[in-house]
Amino acid sequence: MTGFKETQIIQCPTRKSFDAHFKAWDKIEEIGRSHDCDFHWSVLNEKEKTFILKLCGCSKQHQQNALIDVMKFLCKEGIDPAIIISTKTEKSEEEKQLLRVQRILKSA
């Protein structure tokens, strides 16, 4: 389940939303798993209502579909969703290998 890795910093619009994300986290993780994704999170800054969310999945499509279902769930539960304020996508092992090969070829 590690073909795609992304780290996001997300910010909740209100304290109520921030607290509700905590209470709903087990369900959010369950939704991720249903799309072959793992969600790992930690509080970045409680005062600013921000989390670090690390997503690992089979592909970008799996991750996006999981996030769509999370948004649907939050809406259904009346929880204001967080906004993504920063995103960093890690290169896959295949991409890293390709870059190494390209560097070798350029130096030859």
Protein backbone atom coordinates (compact mmCIF):
# COMPACT_ATOMS: atom_id res chain seq x y z
CA MET A 1 0.00 0.00 0.00
CA THR A 2 2.86 2.39 -0.57
CA GLY A 3 2.80 3.26 -4.26
CA PHE A 4 1.71 6.81 -3.47
CA LYS A 5 2.72 8.90 -0.47
CA GLU A 6 1.64 12.43 0.29
CA THR A 7 1.89 14.69 3.32
CA GLN A 8 -0.69 17.41 3.76
CA ILE A 9 -1.08 20.15 6.30
CA ILE A 10 -4.78 20.69 6.84
CA GLN A 11 -6.55 23.38 8.82
CA CYS A 12 -10.01 23.20 10.33
CA PRO A 13 -12.16 26.32 9.99
CA THR A 14 -13.42 26.24 13.60
CA ARG A 15 -12.59 24.71 16.96
CA LYS A 16 -15.81 22.71 16.70
CA SER A 17 -14.61 21.22 13.40
CA PHE A 18 -11.16 20.51 14.88
CA ASP A 19 -12.67 18.62 17.82
CA ALA A 20 -15.13 16.77 15.58
CA HIS A 21 -12.27 15.51 13.41
CA PHE A 22 -10.79 13.91 16.55
CA LYS A 23 -14.05 12.21 17.39
CA ALA A 24 -14.54 10.96 13.83
CA TRP A 25 -10.97 9.86 13.22
CA ASP A 26 -11.65 6.10 13.48
CA LYS A 27 -14.32 6.40 10.79
CA ILE A 28 -12.03 8.54 8.61
CA GLU A 29 -9.30 5.88 8.86
CA GLU A 30 -11.87 3.21 8.00
CA ILE A 31 -12.87 5.12 4.87
CA GLY A 32 -9.21 5.36 3.87
CA ARG A 33 -8.71 1.61 4.31
CA SER A 34 -11.76 0.93 2.16
CA HIS A 35 -9.82 2.63 -0.66
CA ASP A 36 -6.54 0.81 0.10
CA CYS A 37 -5.11 3.91 1.79
CA ASP A 38 -3.63 4.53 5.21
CA PHE A 39 -4.12 7.89 6.88
CA HIS A 40 -1.69 8.83 9.66
CA TRP A 41 -2.20 12.13 11.39
CA SER A 42 -0.91 14.28 14.20
CA VAL A 43 -1.72 17.71 15.56
CA LEU A 44 0.60 20.33 14.14
CA ASN A 45 -0.72 23.35 16.05
CA GLU A 46 -3.82 23.12 18.22
CA LYS A 47 -4.21 26.91 18.46
CA GLU A 48 -4.19 27.21 14.65
CA LYS A 49 -6.37 24.07 14.36
CA THR A 50 -3.89 22.34 12.03
CA PHE A 51 -3.01 18.70 11.49
CA ILE A 52 -0.31 16.90 9.57
CA LEU A 53 -1.94 14.18 7.49
CA LYS A 54 0.25 11.50 5.89
CA LEU A 55 -1.50 9.49 3.21
CA CYS A 56 -0.15 6.23 1.80
CA GLY A 57 -1.98 4.35 -0.90
CA CYS A 58 -1.74 2.27 -4.01
CA SER A 59 -2.13 5.26 -6.32
CA LYS A 60 -3.15 8.90 -6.55
CA GLN A 61 -6.61 7.76 -7.69
CA HIS A 62 -7.06 5.65 -4.55
CA GLN A 63 -6.04 8.61 -2.40
CA GLN A 64 -8.34 11.05 -4.19
CA ASN A 65 -11.32 8.70 -4.03
CA ALA A 66 -10.69 8.16 -0.32
CA LEU A 67 -10.62 11.91 0.28
CA ILE A 68 -13.85 12.37 -1.69
CA ASP A 69 -15.56 9.79 0.51
CA VAL A 70 -14.14 11.44 3.64
CA MET A 71 -15.60 14.77 2.50
CA LYS A 72 -18.98 13.11 1.89
CA PHE A 73 -18.85 11.58 5.37
CA LEU A 74 -17.94 14.90 7.01
CA CYS A 75 -20.79 16.63 5.19
CA LYS A 76 -23.27 13.92 6.22
CA GLU A 77 -22.13 14.26 9.85
CA GLY A 78 -22.38 18.07 9.76
CA ILE A 79 -18.63 18.50 10.29
CA ASP A 80 -17.03 21.43 8.50
CA PRO A 81 -14.14 19.95 6.49
CA ALA A 82 -10.59 21.14 6.83
CA ILE A 83 -8.82 22.88 3.99
CA ILE A 84 -5.48 21.73 2.62
CA ILE A 85 -2.93 24.47 3.16
CA SER A 86 0.18 22.55 2.06
CA THR A 87 0.90 19.37 0.11
CA LYS A 88 4.10 17.44 -0.50
CA THR A 89 4.06 14.32 -2.68
CA GLU A 90 6.92 11.88 -2.22
CA LYS A 91 8.47 10.25 -5.24
CA SER A 92 7.74 6.55 -5.64
CA GLU A 93 10.59 4.05 -5.59
CA GLU A 94 10.19 3.65 -9.36
CA GLU A 95 10.53 7.41 -9.87
CA LYS A 96 13.60 7.50 -7.62
CA GLN A 97 15.19 4.65 -9.61
CA LEU A 98 14.45 6.39 -12.89
CA LEU A 99 16.07 9.61 -11.62
CA ARG A 100 19.18 7.64 -10.55
CA VAL A 101 19.42 6.03 -13.97
CA GLN A 102 19.00 9.41 -15.68
CA ARG A 103 21.79 10.91 -13.52
CA ILE A 104 24.08 7.99 -14.39
CA LEU A 105 23.32 8.35 -18.09
CA LYS A 106 23.98 12.12 -17.99
CA SER A 107 27.32 11.64 -16.25
CA ALA A 108 28.47 8.94 -18.72
